[in-house]
Amino acid sequence: MDESDMYQEAARTLSVADAAVDLIEFSPDGLASPTTETASLRIRIAQCRMDLARQVRRADLSGRNETEG
């Protein structure tokens, strides 16, 4: 598994985590009931997405520098 595959897998995992929070928020009667805990999870998932995007940009810039050098 190369670096690109790892980033793609991480992005998929975050999408699954986001979907899991959606499932947690829905009560049996179909009404959404967000809580402080699920809001905290969504914030953490968003932070992970931003961290992942930074890592991908860094890797992309690093790869460009290697090919240019």
C-alpha atoms as a PDB file:
ATOM      1  CA  MET A   1       0.000   0.000   0.000  1.00  0.00           C
ATOM      2  CA  ASP A   2       1.555   3.258  -1.089  1.00  0.00           C
ATOM      3  CA  GLU A   3       1.054   6.694   0.425  1.00  0.00           C
ATOM      4  CA  SER A   4      -1.782   7.606  -1.941  1.00  0.00           C
ATOM      5  CA  ASP A   5      -3.679   4.448  -0.987  1.00  0.00           C
ATOM      6  CA  MET A   6      -3.244   5.263   2.697  1.00  0.00           C
ATOM      7  CA  TYR A   7      -4.700   8.756   2.211  1.00  0.00           C
ATOM      8  CA  GLN A   8      -7.642   7.350   0.256  1.00  0.00           C
ATOM      9  CA  GLU A   9      -8.282   4.750   2.944  1.00  0.00           C
ATOM     10  CA  ALA A  10      -8.165   7.428   5.635  1.00  0.00           C
ATOM     11  CA  ALA A  11     -10.687   9.536   3.691  1.00  0.00           C
ATOM     12  CA  ARG A  12     -13.008   6.532   3.359  1.00  0.00           C
ATOM     13  CA  THR A  13     -12.701   5.810   7.069  1.00  0.00           C
ATOM     14  CA  LEU A  14     -13.657   9.396   7.905  1.00  0.00           C
ATOM     15  CA  SER A  15     -16.684   9.123   5.611  1.00  0.00           C
ATOM     16  CA  VAL A  16     -17.765   5.946   7.398  1.00  0.00           C
ATOM     17  CA  ALA A  17     -17.282   7.656  10.771  1.00  0.00           C
ATOM     18  CA  ASP A  18     -19.427  10.560   9.591  1.00  0.00           C
ATOM     19  CA  ALA A  19     -22.151   8.146   8.436  1.00  0.00           C
ATOM     20  CA  ALA A  20     -21.985   6.351  11.799  1.00  0.00           C
ATOM     21  CA  VAL A  21     -22.651   9.629  13.603  1.00  0.00           C
ATOM     22  CA  ASP A  22     -25.667  10.119  11.309  1.00  0.00           C
ATOM     23  CA  LEU A  23     -26.983   6.728  12.412  1.00  0.00           C
ATOM     24  CA  ILE A  24     -26.397   7.524  16.079  1.00  0.00           C
ATOM     25  CA  GLU A  25     -28.365  10.757  15.781  1.00  0.00           C
ATOM     26  CA  PHE A  26     -31.518   9.145  14.420  1.00  0.00           C
ATOM     27  CA  SER A  27     -34.008   7.890  16.975  1.00  0.00           C
ATOM     28  CA  PRO A  28     -36.326   4.945  16.281  1.00  0.00           C
ATOM     29  CA  ASP A  29     -39.173   7.312  15.308  1.00  0.00           C
ATOM     30  CA  GLY A  30     -36.991   8.812  12.560  1.00  0.00           C
ATOM     31  CA  LEU A  31     -36.430  12.200  14.185  1.00  0.00           C
ATOM     32  CA  ALA A  32     -32.914  13.538  14.371  1.00  0.00           C
ATOM     33  CA  SER A  33     -31.687  14.123  17.891  1.00  0.00           C
ATOM     34  CA  PRO A  34     -28.139  15.544  17.854  1.00  0.00           C
ATOM     35  CA  THR A  35     -26.373  15.648  21.189  1.00  0.00           C
ATOM     36  CA  THR A  36     -23.280  17.305  22.564  1.00  0.00           C
ATOM     37  CA  GLU A  37     -21.430  14.021  22.103  1.00  0.00           C
ATOM     38  CA  THR A  38     -22.340  13.681  18.433  1.00  0.00           C
ATOM     39  CA  ALA A  39     -21.497  17.332  17.843  1.00  0.00           C
ATOM     40  CA  SER A  40     -18.095  16.676  19.418  1.00  0.00           C
ATOM     41  CA  LEU A  41     -17.624  13.668  17.139  1.00  0.00           C
ATOM     42  CA  ARG A  42     -18.470  15.757  14.070  1.00  0.00           C
ATOM     43  CA  ILE A  43     -15.957  18.415  15.134  1.00  0.00           C
ATOM     44  CA  ARG A  44     -13.273  15.770  15.613  1.00  0.00           C
ATOM     45  CA  ILE A  45     -14.043  14.202  12.220  1.00  0.00           C
ATOM     46  CA  ALA A  46     -13.785  17.648  10.593  1.00  0.00           C
ATOM     47  CA  GLN A  47     -10.432  18.211  12.319  1.00  0.00           C
ATOM     48  CA  CYS A  48      -9.200  14.856  11.023  1.00  0.00           C
ATOM     49  CA  ARG A  49     -10.317  15.783   7.500  1.00  0.00           C
ATOM     50  CA  MET A  50      -8.367  19.051   7.716  1.00  0.00           C
ATOM     51  CA  ASP A  51      -5.286  17.221   9.045  1.00  0.00           C
ATOM     52  CA  LEU A  52      -5.561  14.688   6.226  1.00  0.00           C
ATOM     53  CA  ALA A  53      -5.861  17.465   3.626  1.00  0.00           C
ATOM     54  CA  ARG A  54      -2.714  19.117   5.032  1.00  0.00           C
ATOM     55  CA  GLN A  55      -0.811  15.836   4.881  1.00  0.00           C
ATOM     56  CA  VAL A  56      -1.906  15.229   1.289  1.00  0.00           C
ATOM     57  CA  ARG A  57      -0.816  18.750   0.286  1.00  0.00           C
ATOM     58  CA  ARG A  58       2.533  18.271   2.008  1.00  0.00           C
ATOM     59  CA  ALA A  59       3.065  14.927   0.285  1.00  0.00           C
ATOM     60  CA  ASP A  60       2.050  16.446  -3.048  1.00  0.00           C
ATOM     61  CA  LEU A  61       4.487  19.339  -2.621  1.00  0.00           C
ATOM     62  CA  SER A  62       7.217  16.972  -1.471  1.00  0.00           C
ATOM     63  CA  GLY A  63       6.659  14.777  -4.539  1.00  0.00           C
ATOM     64  CA  ARG A  64       6.800  17.782  -6.838  1.00  0.00           C
ATOM     65  CA  ASN A  65      10.054  18.956  -5.283  1.00  0.00           C
ATOM     66  CA  GLU A  66      11.572  15.499  -5.748  1.00  0.00           C
ATOM     67  CA  THR A  67      10.618  15.349  -9.430  1.00  0.00           C
ATOM     68  CA  GLU A  68      11.812  18.915 -10.067  1.00  0.00           C
ATOM     69  CA  GLY A  69      15.117  18.413  -8.277  1.00  0.00           C
END
